[in-house]
Amino acid sequence: MVELSLEEFEVAVGDALDSIPGELARAMDNVVVLVEDEPGPEFPPDLLGLYEGTPLTERDSWWAAGALPDRITIFRRPTLAVCADRAEVVAEVRITVVHEVAHHFGLDDARLHELGWA
């Protein structure tokens, strides 16, 4: 397993977010990106990322009234476990971040698979 501190991993996540084209980044609305070491017990232990919320494509006037931010969580330990070196971690983090951000925009896993992001 690759060793990356929480701080180093958070930098990789930040860099992945910074790589998202500006037009898309500006369109993201009411979403927070978090890093956690492991997914909760209700999820598979090898889960790399998770989007929780209401995709932009499904939001309506009812949604805005007191809605909590959507959450994108990137899981550090499962990511480190599937990567051979630091460069692979950075690449996998970018793929995972883009994948979860795409869910925020309403793309499902089937479409992401077609696009090579699943």
PDB file of N, CA and C in Angstrom:
ATOM      1  N   MET A   1       0.847  -1.181   0.000  1.00  0.00           N
ATOM      2  CA  MET A   1       0.000   0.000   0.000  1.00  0.00           C
ATOM      3  C   MET A   1       0.892   1.244   0.000  1.00  0.00           C
ATOM      4  N   VAL A   2       0.522   2.218  -0.800  1.00  0.00           N
ATOM      5  CA  VAL A   2       1.232   3.488  -0.885  1.00  0.00           C
ATOM      6  C   VAL A   2       0.986   4.273   0.396  1.00  0.00           C
ATOM      7  N   GLU A   3       1.993   4.958   0.880  1.00  0.00           N
ATOM      8  CA  GLU A   3       1.846   5.798   2.064  1.00  0.00           C
ATOM      9  C   GLU A   3       1.746   7.260   1.641  1.00  0.00           C
ATOM     10  N   LEU A   4       0.635   7.881   1.951  1.00  0.00           N
ATOM     11  CA  LEU A   4       0.433   9.312   1.762  1.00  0.00           C
ATOM     12  C   LEU A   4      -0.272   9.822   2.999  1.00  0.00           C
ATOM     13  N   SER A   5       0.243  10.879   3.575  1.00  0.00           N
ATOM     14  CA  SER A   5      -0.413  11.453   4.752  1.00  0.00           C
ATOM     15  C   SER A   5      -1.769  12.027   4.343  1.00  0.00           C
ATOM     16  N   LEU A   6      -2.586  12.288   5.324  1.00  0.00           N
ATOM     17  CA  LEU A   6      -3.882  12.900   5.063  1.00  0.00           C
ATOM     18  C   LEU A   6      -3.692  14.230   4.335  1.00  0.00           C
ATOM     19  N   GLU A   7      -2.721  15.011   4.773  1.00  0.00           N
ATOM     20  CA  GLU A   7      -2.470  16.311   4.145  1.00  0.00           C
ATOM     21  C   GLU A   7      -2.054  16.160   2.685  1.00  0.00           C
ATOM     22  N   GLU A   8      -1.177  15.203   2.390  1.00  0.00           N
ATOM     23  CA  GLU A   8      -0.748  14.972   1.014  1.00  0.00           C
ATOM     24  C   GLU A   8      -1.921  14.511   0.146  1.00  0.00           C
ATOM     25  N   PHE A   9      -2.757  13.658   0.712  1.00  0.00           N
ATOM     26  CA  PHE A   9      -3.920  13.162  -0.014  1.00  0.00           C
ATOM     27  C   PHE A   9      -4.896  14.308  -0.290  1.00  0.00           C
ATOM     28  N   GLU A  10      -5.105  15.171   0.702  1.00  0.00           N
ATOM     29  CA  GLU A  10      -5.997  16.316   0.515  1.00  0.00           C
ATOM     30  C   GLU A  10      -5.477  17.245  -0.586  1.00  0.00           C
ATOM     31  N   VAL A  11      -4.162  17.392  -0.684  1.00  0.00           N
ATOM     32  CA  VAL A  11      -3.577  18.192  -1.763  1.00  0.00           C
ATOM     33  C   VAL A  11      -3.911  17.553  -3.119  1.00  0.00           C
ATOM     34  N   ALA A  12      -3.813  16.226  -3.201  1.00  0.00           N
ATOM     35  CA  ALA A  12      -4.151  15.531  -4.448  1.00  0.00           C
ATOM     36  C   ALA A  12      -5.613  15.755  -4.816  1.00  0.00           C
ATOM     37  N   VAL A  13      -6.497  15.727  -3.825  1.00  0.00           N
ATOM     38  CA  VAL A  13      -7.921  15.981  -4.082  1.00  0.00           C
ATOM     39  C   VAL A  13      -8.105  17.423  -4.544  1.00  0.00           C
ATOM     40  N   GLY A  14      -7.445  18.375  -3.886  1.00  0.00           N
ATOM     41  CA  GLY A  14      -7.533  19.776  -4.293  1.00  0.00           C
ATOM     42  C   GLY A  14      -7.026  19.991  -5.702  1.00  0.00           C
ATOM     43  N   ASP A  15      -5.927  19.337  -6.040  1.00  0.00           N
ATOM     44  CA  ASP A  15      -5.380  19.446  -7.402  1.00  0.00           C
ATOM     45  C   ASP A  15      -6.361  18.871  -8.421  1.00  0.00           C
ATOM     46  N   ALA A  16      -7.009  17.763  -8.065  1.00  0.00           N
ATOM     47  CA  ALA A  16      -8.002  17.162  -8.969  1.00  0.00           C
ATOM     48  C   ALA A  16      -9.173  18.124  -9.178  1.00  0.00           C
ATOM     49  N   LEU A  17      -9.614  18.776  -8.110  1.00  0.00           N
ATOM     50  CA  LEU A  17     -10.701  19.754  -8.245  1.00  0.00           C
ATOM     51  C   LEU A  17     -10.257  20.931  -9.103  1.00  0.00           C
ATOM     52  N   ASP A  18      -9.026  21.358  -8.925  1.00  0.00           N
ATOM     53  CA  ASP A  18      -8.502  22.472  -9.719  1.00  0.00           C
ATOM     54  C   ASP A  18      -8.391  22.125 -11.200  1.00  0.00           C
ATOM     55  N   SER A  19      -8.325  20.833 -11.525  1.00  0.00           N
ATOM     56  CA  SER A  19      -8.204  20.416 -12.926  1.00  0.00           C
ATOM     57  C   SER A  19      -9.545  20.417 -13.657  1.00  0.00           C
ATOM     58  N   ILE A  20     -10.631  20.585 -12.925  1.00  0.00           N
ATOM     59  CA  ILE A  20     -11.955  20.628 -13.549  1.00  0.00           C
ATOM     60  C   ILE A  20     -12.066  21.952 -14.313  1.00  0.00           C
ATOM     61  N   PRO A  21     -12.509  21.912 -15.557  1.00  0.00           N
ATOM     62  CA  PRO A  21     -12.630  23.148 -16.329  1.00  0.00           C
ATOM     63  C   PRO A  21     -13.437  24.213 -15.573  1.00  0.00           C
ATOM     64  N   GLY A  22     -12.990  25.450 -15.679  1.00  0.00           N
ATOM     65  CA  GLY A  22     -13.596  26.551 -14.934  1.00  0.00           C
ATOM     66  C   GLY A  22     -15.089  26.676 -15.111  1.00  0.00           C
ATOM     67  N   GLU A  23     -15.575  26.486 -16.325  1.00  0.00           N
ATOM     68  CA  GLU A  23     -17.010  26.598 -16.590  1.00  0.00           C
ATOM     69  C   GLU A  23     -17.793  25.584 -15.758  1.00  0.00           C
ATOM     70  N   LEU A  24     -17.286  24.354 -15.681  1.00  0.00           N
ATOM     71  CA  LEU A  24     -17.955  23.334 -14.872  1.00  0.00           C
ATOM     72  C   LEU A  24     -17.814  23.625 -13.384  1.00  0.00           C
ATOM     73  N   ALA A  25     -16.633  24.031 -12.963  1.00  0.00           N
ATOM     74  CA  ALA A  25     -16.410  24.333 -11.549  1.00  0.00           C
ATOM     75  C   ALA A  25     -17.348  25.444 -11.092  1.00  0.00           C
ATOM     76  N   ARG A  26     -17.544  26.455 -11.909  1.00  0.00           N
ATOM     77  CA  ARG A  26     -18.446  27.554 -11.550  1.00  0.00           C
ATOM     78  C   ARG A  26     -19.900  27.100 -11.510  1.00  0.00           C
ATOM     79  N   ALA A  27     -20.231  26.049 -12.257  1.00  0.00           N
ATOM     80  CA  ALA A  27     -21.612  25.548 -12.285  1.00  0.00           C
ATOM     81  C   ALA A  27     -21.938  24.659 -11.087  1.00  0.00           C
ATOM     82  N   MET A  28     -20.904  24.196 -10.390  1.00  0.00           N
ATOM     83  CA  MET A  28     -21.168  23.373  -9.201  1.00  0.00           C
ATOM     84  C   MET A  28     -21.889  24.239  -8.175  1.00  0.00           C
ATOM     85  N   ASP A  29     -22.921  23.673  -7.545  1.00  0.00           N
ATOM     86  CA  ASP A  29     -23.756  24.466  -6.666  1.00  0.00           C
ATOM     87  C   ASP A  29     -24.072  23.711  -5.389  1.00  0.00           C
ATOM     88  N   ASN A  30     -23.752  24.332  -4.261  1.00  0.00           N
ATOM     89  CA  ASN A  30     -24.098  23.805  -2.942  1.00  0.00           C
ATOM     90  C   ASN A  30     -23.566  22.385  -2.756  1.00  0.00           C
ATOM     91  N   VAL A  31     -22.267  22.228  -2.962  1.00  0.00           N
ATOM     92  CA  VAL A  31     -21.624  20.925  -2.805  1.00  0.00           C
ATOM     93  C   VAL A  31     -20.317  21.110  -2.044  1.00  0.00           C
ATOM     94  N   VAL A  32     -20.036  20.188  -1.156  1.00  0.00           N
ATOM     95  CA  VAL A  32     -18.798  20.199  -0.390  1.00  0.00           C
ATOM     96  C   VAL A  32     -18.032  18.920  -0.707  1.00  0.00           C
ATOM     97  N   VAL A  33     -16.708  19.037  -0.795  1.00  0.00           N
ATOM     98  CA  VAL A  33     -15.863  17.876  -1.063  1.00  0.00           C
ATOM     99  C   VAL A  33     -15.051  17.585   0.195  1.00  0.00           C
ATOM    100  N   LEU A  34     -15.149  16.345   0.652  1.00  0.00           N
ATOM    101  CA  LEU A  34     -14.506  15.925   1.886  1.00  0.00           C
ATOM    102  C   LEU A  34     -13.563  14.755   1.630  1.00  0.00           C
ATOM    103  N   VAL A  35     -12.608  14.581   2.523  1.00  0.00           N
ATOM    104  CA  VAL A  35     -11.733  13.415   2.507  1.00  0.00           C
ATOM    105  C   VAL A  35     -11.939  12.682   3.824  1.00  0.00           C
ATOM    106  N   GLU A  36     -12.167  11.387   3.735  1.00  0.00           N
ATOM    107  CA  GLU A  36     -12.254  10.536   4.917  1.00  0.00           C
ATOM    108  C   GLU A  36     -11.337   9.343   4.699  1.00  0.00           C
ATOM    109  N   ASP A  37     -10.885   8.749   5.791  1.00  0.00           N
ATOM    110  CA  ASP A  37      -9.992   7.596   5.675  1.00  0.00           C
ATOM    111  C   ASP A  37     -10.693   6.377   5.094  1.00  0.00           C
ATOM    112  N   GLU A  38     -11.884   6.068   5.585  1.00  0.00           N
ATOM    113  CA  GLU A  38     -12.589   4.833   5.193  1.00  0.00           C
ATOM    114  C   GLU A  38     -14.064   5.128   4.971  1.00  0.00           C
ATOM    115  N   PRO A  39     -14.719   4.374   4.103  1.00  0.00           N
ATOM    116  CA  PRO A  39     -16.179   4.475   4.018  1.00  0.00           C
ATOM    117  C   PRO A  39     -16.812   3.852   5.260  1.00  0.00           C
ATOM    118  N   GLY A  40     -18.027   4.255   5.567  1.00  0.00           N
ATOM    119  CA  GLY A  40     -18.738   3.696   6.712  1.00  0.00           C
ATOM    120  C   GLY A  40     -19.059   2.232   6.508  1.00  0.00           C
ATOM    121  N   PRO A  41     -19.496   1.563   7.574  1.00  0.00           N
ATOM    122  CA  PRO A  41     -19.767   0.126   7.508  1.00  0.00           C
ATOM    123  C   PRO A  41     -20.902  -0.254   6.556  1.00  0.00           C
ATOM    124  N   GLU A  42     -21.733   0.708   6.180  1.00  0.00           N
ATOM    125  CA  GLU A  42     -22.832   0.421   5.257  1.00  0.00           C
ATOM    126  C   GLU A  42     -22.386   0.380   3.794  1.00  0.00           C
ATOM    127  N   PHE A  43     -21.108   0.697   3.546  1.00  0.00           N
ATOM    128  CA  PHE A  43     -20.580   0.731   2.190  1.00  0.00           C
ATOM    129  C   PHE A  43     -19.497  -0.320   2.014  1.00  0.00           C
ATOM    130  N   PRO A  44     -19.223  -0.719   0.768  1.00  0.00           N
ATOM    131  CA  PRO A  44     -18.129  -1.669   0.526  1.00  0.00           C
ATOM    132  C   PRO A  44     -16.802  -1.051   0.995  1.00  0.00           C
ATOM    133  N   PRO A  45     -15.927  -1.847   1.585  1.00  0.00           N
ATOM    134  CA  PRO A  45     -14.669  -1.300   2.103  1.00  0.00           C
ATOM    135  C   PRO A  45     -13.717  -0.803   1.027  1.00  0.00           C
ATOM    136  N   ASP A  46     -13.945  -1.187  -0.230  1.00  0.00           N
ATOM    137  CA  ASP A  46     -13.070  -0.743  -1.311  1.00  0.00           C
ATOM    138  C   ASP A  46     -13.638   0.447  -2.091  1.00  0.00           C
ATOM    139  N   LEU A  47     -14.650   1.111  -1.533  1.00  0.00           N
ATOM    140  CA  LEU A  47     -15.254   2.274  -2.173  1.00  0.00           C
ATOM    141  C   LEU A  47     -14.261   3.437  -2.177  1.00  0.00           C
ATOM    142  N   LEU A  48     -14.027   4.021  -3.338  1.00  0.00           N
ATOM    143  CA  LEU A  48     -13.052   5.109  -3.459  1.00  0.00           C
ATOM    144  C   LEU A  48     -13.675   6.488  -3.290  1.00  0.00           C
ATOM    145  N   GLY A  49     -14.934   6.626  -3.705  1.00  0.00           N
ATOM    146  CA  GLY A  49     -15.599   7.916  -3.601  1.00  0.00           C
ATOM    147  C   GLY A  49     -17.099   7.741  -3.533  1.00  0.00           C
ATOM    148  N   LEU A  50     -17.774   8.788  -3.047  1.00  0.00           N
ATOM    149  CA  LEU A  50     -19.226   8.717  -2.871  1.00  0.00           C
ATOM    150  C   LEU A  50     -19.829  10.102  -3.073  1.00  0.00           C
ATOM    151  N   TYR A  51     -20.891  10.157  -3.872  1.00  0.00           N
ATOM    152  CA  TYR A  51     -21.681  11.380  -4.019  1.00  0.00           C
ATOM    153  C   TYR A  51     -22.990  11.171  -3.288  1.00  0.00           C
ATOM    154  N   GLU A  52     -23.331  12.108  -2.429  1.00  0.00           N
ATOM    155  CA  GLU A  52     -24.608  12.073  -1.714  1.00  0.00           C
ATOM    156  C   GLU A  52     -25.280  13.426  -1.892  1.00  0.00           C
ATOM    157  N   GLY A  53     -26.465  13.410  -2.447  1.00  0.00           N
ATOM    158  CA  GLY A  53     -27.179  14.668  -2.634  1.00  0.00           C
ATOM    159  C   GLY A  53     -28.189  14.582  -3.749  1.00  0.00           C
ATOM    160  N   THR A  54     -28.590  15.749  -4.212  1.00  0.00           N
ATOM    161  CA  THR A  54     -29.547  15.858  -5.301  1.00  0.00           C
ATOM    162  C   THR A  54     -28.824  16.436  -6.509  1.00  0.00           C
ATOM    163  N   PRO A  55     -28.676  15.647  -7.573  1.00  0.00           N
ATOM    164  CA  PRO A  55     -27.976  16.144  -8.759  1.00  0.00           C
ATOM    165  C   PRO A  55     -28.612  17.430  -9.292  1.00  0.00           C
ATOM    166  N   LEU A  56     -27.800  18.257  -9.915  1.00  0.00           N
ATOM    167  CA  LEU A  56     -28.298  19.519 -10.461  1.00  0.00           C
ATOM    168  C   LEU A  56     -29.469  19.304 -11.410  1.00  0.00           C
ATOM    169  N   THR A  57     -29.452  18.203 -12.145  1.00  0.00           N
ATOM    170  CA  THR A  57     -30.509  17.920 -13.117  1.00  0.00           C
ATOM    171  C   THR A  57     -31.842  17.570 -12.466  1.00  0.00           C
ATOM    172  N   GLU A  58     -31.829  17.280 -11.166  1.00  0.00           N
ATOM    173  CA  GLU A  58     -33.067  16.902 -10.471  1.00  0.00           C
ATOM    174  C   GLU A  58     -33.560  17.974  -9.500  1.00  0.00           C
ATOM    175  N   ARG A  59     -32.848  19.077  -9.421  1.00  0.00           N
ATOM    176  CA  ARG A  59     -33.244  20.131  -8.492  1.00  0.00           C
ATOM    177  C   ARG A  59     -34.383  20.949  -9.085  1.00  0.00           C
ATOM    178  N   ASP A  60     -35.307  21.287  -8.201  1.00  0.00           N
ATOM    179  CA  ASP A  60     -36.474  22.056  -8.580  1.00  0.00           C
ATOM    180  C   ASP A  60     -36.623  23.183  -7.569  1.00  0.00           C
ATOM    181  N   SER A  61     -37.659  23.960  -7.679  1.00  0.00           N
ATOM    182  CA  SER A  61     -37.861  25.066  -6.746  1.00  0.00           C
ATOM    183  C   SER A  61     -38.003  24.570  -5.308  1.00  0.00           C
ATOM    184  N   TRP A  62     -38.515  23.364  -5.121  1.00  0.00           N
ATOM    185  CA  TRP A  62     -38.658  22.804  -3.769  1.00  0.00           C
ATOM    186  C   TRP A  62     -37.317  22.552  -3.118  1.00  0.00           C
ATOM    187  N   TRP A  63     -36.314  22.275  -3.943  1.00  0.00           N
ATOM    188  CA  TRP A  63     -35.018  21.860  -3.428  1.00  0.00           C
ATOM    189  C   TRP A  63     -34.328  22.967  -2.635  1.00  0.00           C
ATOM    190  N   ALA A  64     -34.386  24.186  -3.097  1.00  0.00           N
ATOM    191  CA  ALA A  64     -33.602  25.281  -2.526  1.00  0.00           C
ATOM    192  C   ALA A  64     -33.987  25.637  -1.096  1.00  0.00           C
ATOM    193  N   ALA A  65     -35.168  25.335  -0.690  1.00  0.00           N
ATOM    194  CA  ALA A  65     -35.634  25.730   0.644  1.00  0.00           C
ATOM    195  C   ALA A  65     -34.934  24.916   1.725  1.00  0.00           C
ATOM    196  N   GLY A  66     -33.849  25.437   2.238  1.00  0.00           N
ATOM    197  CA  GLY A  66     -33.158  24.818   3.367  1.00  0.00           C
ATOM    198  C   GLY A  66     -32.352  23.582   3.035  1.00  0.00           C
ATOM    199  N   ALA A  67     -31.986  23.387   1.792  1.00  0.00           N
ATOM    200  CA  ALA A  67     -31.242  22.188   1.404  1.00  0.00           C
ATOM    201  C   ALA A  67     -29.820  22.224   1.959  1.00  0.00           C
ATOM    202  N   LEU A  68     -29.413  21.115   2.520  1.00  0.00           N
ATOM    203  CA  LEU A  68     -28.031  20.976   2.955  1.00  0.00           C
ATOM    204  C   LEU A  68     -27.147  20.779   1.730  1.00  0.00           C
ATOM    205  N   PRO A  69     -25.867  21.099   1.848  1.00  0.00           N
ATOM    206  CA  PRO A  69     -24.989  20.885   0.692  1.00  0.00           C
ATOM    207  C   PRO A  69     -24.889  19.413   0.311  1.00  0.00           C
ATOM    208  N   ASP A  70     -24.776  19.166  -0.986  1.00  0.00           N
ATOM    209  CA  ASP A  70     -24.427  17.822  -1.449  1.00  0.00           C
ATOM    210  C   ASP A  70     -23.033  17.519  -0.910  1.00  0.00           C
ATOM    211  N   ARG A  71     -22.726  16.221  -0.808  1.00  0.00           N
ATOM    212  CA  ARG A  71     -21.418  15.797  -0.300  1.00  0.00           C
ATOM    213  C   ARG A  71     -20.737  14.893  -1.305  1.00  0.00           C
ATOM    214  N   ILE A  72     -19.496  15.213  -1.580  1.00  0.00           N
ATOM    215  CA  ILE A  72     -18.625  14.311  -2.323  1.00  0.00           C
ATOM    216  C   ILE A  72     -17.542  13.916  -1.336  1.00  0.00           C
ATOM    217  N   THR A  73     -17.415  12.625  -1.093  1.00  0.00           N
ATOM    218  CA  THR A  73     -16.401  12.137  -0.168  1.00  0.00           C
ATOM    219  C   THR A  73     -15.436  11.248  -0.931  1.00  0.00           C
ATOM    220  N   ILE A  74     -14.148  11.521  -0.751  1.00  0.00           N
ATOM    221  CA  ILE A  74     -13.088  10.718  -1.352  1.00  0.00           C
ATOM    222  C   ILE A  74     -12.414   9.960  -0.216  1.00  0.00           C
ATOM    223  N   PHE A  75     -12.301   8.645  -0.360  1.00  0.00           N
ATOM    224  CA  PHE A  75     -11.795   7.791   0.707  1.00  0.00           C
ATOM    225  C   PHE A  75     -10.311   7.477   0.495  1.00  0.00           C
ATOM    226  N   ARG A  76      -9.511   7.859   1.460  1.00  0.00           N
ATOM    227  CA  ARG A  76      -8.058   7.779   1.345  1.00  0.00           C
ATOM    228  C   ARG A  76      -7.526   6.352   1.362  1.00  0.00           C
ATOM    229  N   ARG A  77      -7.840   5.574   2.379  1.00  0.00           N
ATOM    230  CA  ARG A  77      -7.216   4.244   2.512  1.00  0.00           C
ATOM    231  C   ARG A  77      -7.570   3.286   1.373  1.00  0.00           C
ATOM    232  N   PRO A  78      -8.833   3.193   0.958  1.00  0.00           N
ATOM    233  CA  PRO A  78      -9.103   2.316  -0.192  1.00  0.00           C
ATOM    234  C   PRO A  78      -8.362   2.756  -1.449  1.00  0.00           C
ATOM    235  N   THR A  79      -8.213   4.068  -1.638  1.00  0.00           N
ATOM    236  CA  THR A  79      -7.482   4.564  -2.802  1.00  0.00           C
ATOM    237  C   THR A  79      -6.019   4.162  -2.721  1.00  0.00           C
ATOM    238  N   LEU A  80      -5.421   4.365  -1.549  1.00  0.00           N
ATOM    239  CA  LEU A  80      -4.017   3.990  -1.381  1.00  0.00           C
ATOM    240  C   LEU A  80      -3.807   2.498  -1.574  1.00  0.00           C
ATOM    241  N   ALA A  81      -4.803   1.699  -1.181  1.00  0.00           N
ATOM    242  CA  ALA A  81      -4.684   0.238  -1.269  1.00  0.00           C
ATOM    243  C   ALA A  81      -4.674  -0.273  -2.707  1.00  0.00           C
ATOM    244  N   VAL A  82      -5.299   0.452  -3.625  1.00  0.00           N
ATOM    245  CA  VAL A  82      -5.371  -0.034  -5.010  1.00  0.00           C
ATOM    246  C   VAL A  82      -4.296   0.565  -5.906  1.00  0.00           C
ATOM    247  N   CYS A  83      -3.447   1.409  -5.342  1.00  0.00           N
ATOM    248  CA  CYS A  83      -2.425   2.093  -6.148  1.00  0.00           C
ATOM    249  C   CYS A  83      -1.025   1.584  -5.817  1.00  0.00           C
ATOM    250  N   ALA A  84      -0.159   1.584  -6.828  1.00  0.00           N
ATOM    251  CA  ALA A  84       1.204   1.072  -6.666  1.00  0.00           C
ATOM    252  C   ALA A  84       2.199   2.154  -6.266  1.00  0.00           C
ATOM    253  N   ASP A  85       1.901   3.417  -6.609  1.00  0.00           N
ATOM    254  CA  ASP A  85       2.835   4.491  -6.282  1.00  0.00           C
ATOM    255  C   ASP A  85       2.082   5.822  -6.224  1.00  0.00           C
ATOM    256  N   ARG A  86       2.819   6.867  -5.857  1.00  0.00           N
ATOM    257  CA  ARG A  86       2.223   8.193  -5.696  1.00  0.00           C
ATOM    258  C   ARG A  86       1.564   8.690  -6.986  1.00  0.00           C
ATOM    259  N   ALA A  87       2.204   8.488  -8.120  1.00  0.00           N
ATOM    260  CA  ALA A  87       1.642   8.937  -9.396  1.00  0.00           C
ATOM    261  C   ALA A  87       0.307   8.257  -9.678  1.00  0.00           C
ATOM    262  N   GLU A  88       0.211   6.991  -9.344  1.00  0.00           N
ATOM    263  CA  GLU A  88      -1.042   6.266  -9.548  1.00  0.00           C
ATOM    264  C   GLU A  88      -2.123   6.785  -8.604  1.00  0.00           C
ATOM    265  N   VAL A  89      -1.735   7.149  -7.371  1.00  0.00           N
ATOM    266  CA  VAL A  89      -2.698   7.731  -6.425  1.00  0.00           C
ATOM    267  C   VAL A  89      -3.259   9.026  -7.003  1.00  0.00           C
ATOM    268  N   VAL A  90      -2.387   9.885  -7.490  1.00  0.00           N
ATOM    269  CA  VAL A  90      -2.823  11.166  -8.051  1.00  0.00           C
ATOM    270  C   VAL A  90      -3.780  10.938  -9.224  1.00  0.00           C
ATOM    271  N   ALA A  91      -3.461   9.998 -10.090  1.00  0.00           N
ATOM    272  CA  ALA A  91      -4.329   9.696 -11.231  1.00  0.00           C
ATOM    273  C   ALA A  91      -5.667   9.135 -10.770  1.00  0.00           C
ATOM    274  N   GLU A  92      -5.642   8.220  -9.809  1.00  0.00           N
ATOM    275  CA  GLU A  92      -6.885   7.609  -9.314  1.00  0.00           C
ATOM    276  C   GLU A  92      -7.748   8.629  -8.587  1.00  0.00           C
ATOM    277  N   VAL A  93      -7.134   9.508  -7.827  1.00  0.00           N
ATOM    278  CA  VAL A  93      -7.890  10.565  -7.145  1.00  0.00           C
ATOM    279  C   VAL A  93      -8.579  11.448  -8.180  1.00  0.00           C
ATOM    280  N   ARG A  94      -7.876  11.803  -9.237  1.00  0.00           N
ATOM    281  CA  ARG A  94      -8.484  12.642 -10.279  1.00  0.00           C
ATOM    282  C   ARG A  94      -9.678  11.940 -10.915  1.00  0.00           C
ATOM    283  N   ILE A  95      -9.513  10.672 -11.249  1.00  0.00           N
ATOM    284  CA  ILE A  95     -10.618   9.907 -11.836  1.00  0.00           C
ATOM    285  C   ILE A  95     -11.800   9.865 -10.881  1.00  0.00           C
ATOM    286  N   THR A  96     -11.535   9.609  -9.610  1.00  0.00           N
ATOM    287  CA  THR A  96     -12.608   9.504  -8.616  1.00  0.00           C
ATOM    288  C   THR A  96     -13.306  10.840  -8.413  1.00  0.00           C
ATOM    289  N   VAL A  97     -12.542  11.913  -8.324  1.00  0.00           N
ATOM    290  CA  VAL A  97     -13.137  13.245  -8.150  1.00  0.00           C
ATOM    291  C   VAL A  97     -14.013  13.584  -9.353  1.00  0.00           C
ATOM    292  N   VAL A  98     -13.498  13.390 -10.557  1.00  0.00           N
ATOM    293  CA  VAL A  98     -14.283  13.684 -11.766  1.00  0.00           C
ATOM    294  C   VAL A  98     -15.546  12.830 -11.791  1.00  0.00           C
ATOM    295  N   HIS A  99     -15.428  11.562 -11.431  1.00  0.00           N
ATOM    296  CA  HIS A  99     -16.575  10.647 -11.400  1.00  0.00           C
ATOM    297  C   HIS A  99     -17.662  11.171 -10.459  1.00  0.00           C
ATOM    298  N   GLU A 100     -17.269  11.558  -9.246  1.00  0.00           N
ATOM    299  CA  GLU A 100     -18.252  12.013  -8.259  1.00  0.00           C
ATOM    300  C   GLU A 100     -18.824  13.377  -8.630  1.00  0.00           C
ATOM    301  N   VAL A 101     -18.014  14.263  -9.172  1.00  0.00           N
ATOM    302  CA  VAL A 101     -18.518  15.559  -9.642  1.00  0.00           C
ATOM    303  C   VAL A 101     -19.521  15.338 -10.770  1.00  0.00           C
ATOM    304  N   ALA A 102     -19.258  14.378 -11.628  1.00  0.00           N
ATOM    305  CA  ALA A 102     -20.192  14.067 -12.713  1.00  0.00           C
ATOM    306  C   ALA A 102     -21.545  13.633 -12.163  1.00  0.00           C
ATOM    307  N   HIS A 103     -21.551  12.888 -11.060  1.00  0.00           N
ATOM    308  CA  HIS A 103     -22.827  12.538 -10.419  1.00  0.00           C
ATOM    309  C   HIS A 103     -23.563  13.799  -9.977  1.00  0.00           C
ATOM    310  N   HIS A 104     -22.834  14.794  -9.465  1.00  0.00           N
ATOM    311  CA  HIS A 104     -23.434  16.072  -9.061  1.00  0.00           C
ATOM    312  C   HIS A 104     -24.136  16.722 -10.256  1.00  0.00           C
ATOM    313  N   PHE A 105     -23.579  16.524 -11.457  1.00  0.00           N
ATOM    314  CA  PHE A 105     -24.174  17.080 -12.671  1.00  0.00           C
ATOM    315  C   PHE A 105     -25.231  16.160 -13.278  1.00  0.00           C
ATOM    316  N   GLY A 106     -25.507  15.029 -12.631  1.00  0.00           N
ATOM    317  CA  GLY A 106     -26.587  14.164 -13.069  1.00  0.00           C
ATOM    318  C   GLY A 106     -26.194  13.004 -13.954  1.00  0.00           C
ATOM    319  N   LEU A 107     -24.908  12.765 -14.161  1.00  0.00           N
ATOM    320  CA  LEU A 107     -24.488  11.622 -14.968  1.00  0.00           C
ATOM    321  C   LEU A 107     -24.511  10.361 -14.112  1.00  0.00           C
ATOM    322  N   ASP A 108     -25.070   9.294 -14.651  1.00  0.00           N
ATOM    323  CA  ASP A 108     -25.124   8.042 -13.901  1.00  0.00           C
ATOM    324  C   ASP A 108     -23.910   7.170 -14.239  1.00  0.00           C
ATOM    325  N   ASP A 109     -23.777   6.056 -13.508  1.00  0.00           N
ATOM    326  CA  ASP A 109     -22.613   5.187 -13.694  1.00  0.00           C
ATOM    327  C   ASP A 109     -22.522   4.623 -15.112  1.00  0.00           C
ATOM    328  N   ALA A 110     -23.656   4.313 -15.726  1.00  0.00           N
ATOM    329  CA  ALA A 110     -23.628   3.762 -17.087  1.00  0.00           C
ATOM    330  C   ALA A 110     -23.015   4.769 -18.058  1.00  0.00           C
ATOM    331  N   ARG A 111     -23.426   6.019 -17.961  1.00  0.00           N
ATOM    332  CA  ARG A 111     -22.894   7.048 -18.858  1.00  0.00           C
ATOM    333  C   ARG A 111     -21.413   7.308 -18.560  1.00  0.00           C
ATOM    334  N   LEU A 112     -21.049   7.311 -17.288  1.00  0.00           N
ATOM    335  CA  LEU A 112     -19.647   7.511 -16.923  1.00  0.00           C
ATOM    336  C   LEU A 112     -18.782   6.372 -17.447  1.00  0.00           C
ATOM    337  N   HIS A 113     -19.323   5.164 -17.425  1.00  0.00           N
ATOM    338  CA  HIS A 113     -18.593   4.019 -17.968  1.00  0.00           C
ATOM    339  C   HIS A 113     -18.362   4.221 -19.471  1.00  0.00           C
ATOM    340  N   GLU A 114     -19.399   4.673 -20.181  1.00  0.00           N
ATOM    341  CA  GLU A 114     -19.264   4.944 -21.618  1.00  0.00           C
ATOM    342  C   GLU A 114     -18.176   5.975 -21.880  1.00  0.00           C
ATOM    343  N   LEU A 115     -18.054   6.952 -20.987  1.00  0.00           N
ATOM    344  CA  LEU A 115     -17.094   8.036 -21.157  1.00  0.00           C
ATOM    345  C   LEU A 115     -15.697   7.692 -20.625  1.00  0.00           C
ATOM    346  N   GLY A 116     -15.567   6.511 -19.982  1.00  0.00           N
ATOM    347  CA  GLY A 116     -14.278   6.083 -19.451  1.00  0.00           C
ATOM    348  C   GLY A 116     -13.948   6.605 -18.067  1.00  0.00           C
ATOM    349  N   TRP A 117     -14.945   7.065 -17.324  1.00  0.00           N
ATOM    350  CA  TRP A 117     -14.733   7.613 -15.981  1.00  0.00           C
ATOM    351  C   TRP A 117     -15.332   6.734 -14.897  1.00  0.00           C
ATOM    352  N   ALA A 118     -15.588   5.481 -15.180  1.00  0.00           N
ATOM    353  CA  ALA A 118     -16.172   4.592 -14.164  1.00  0.00           C
ATOM    354  C   ALA A 118     -15.199   3.479 -13.809  1.00  0.00           C
TER     355      ALA A 118
END
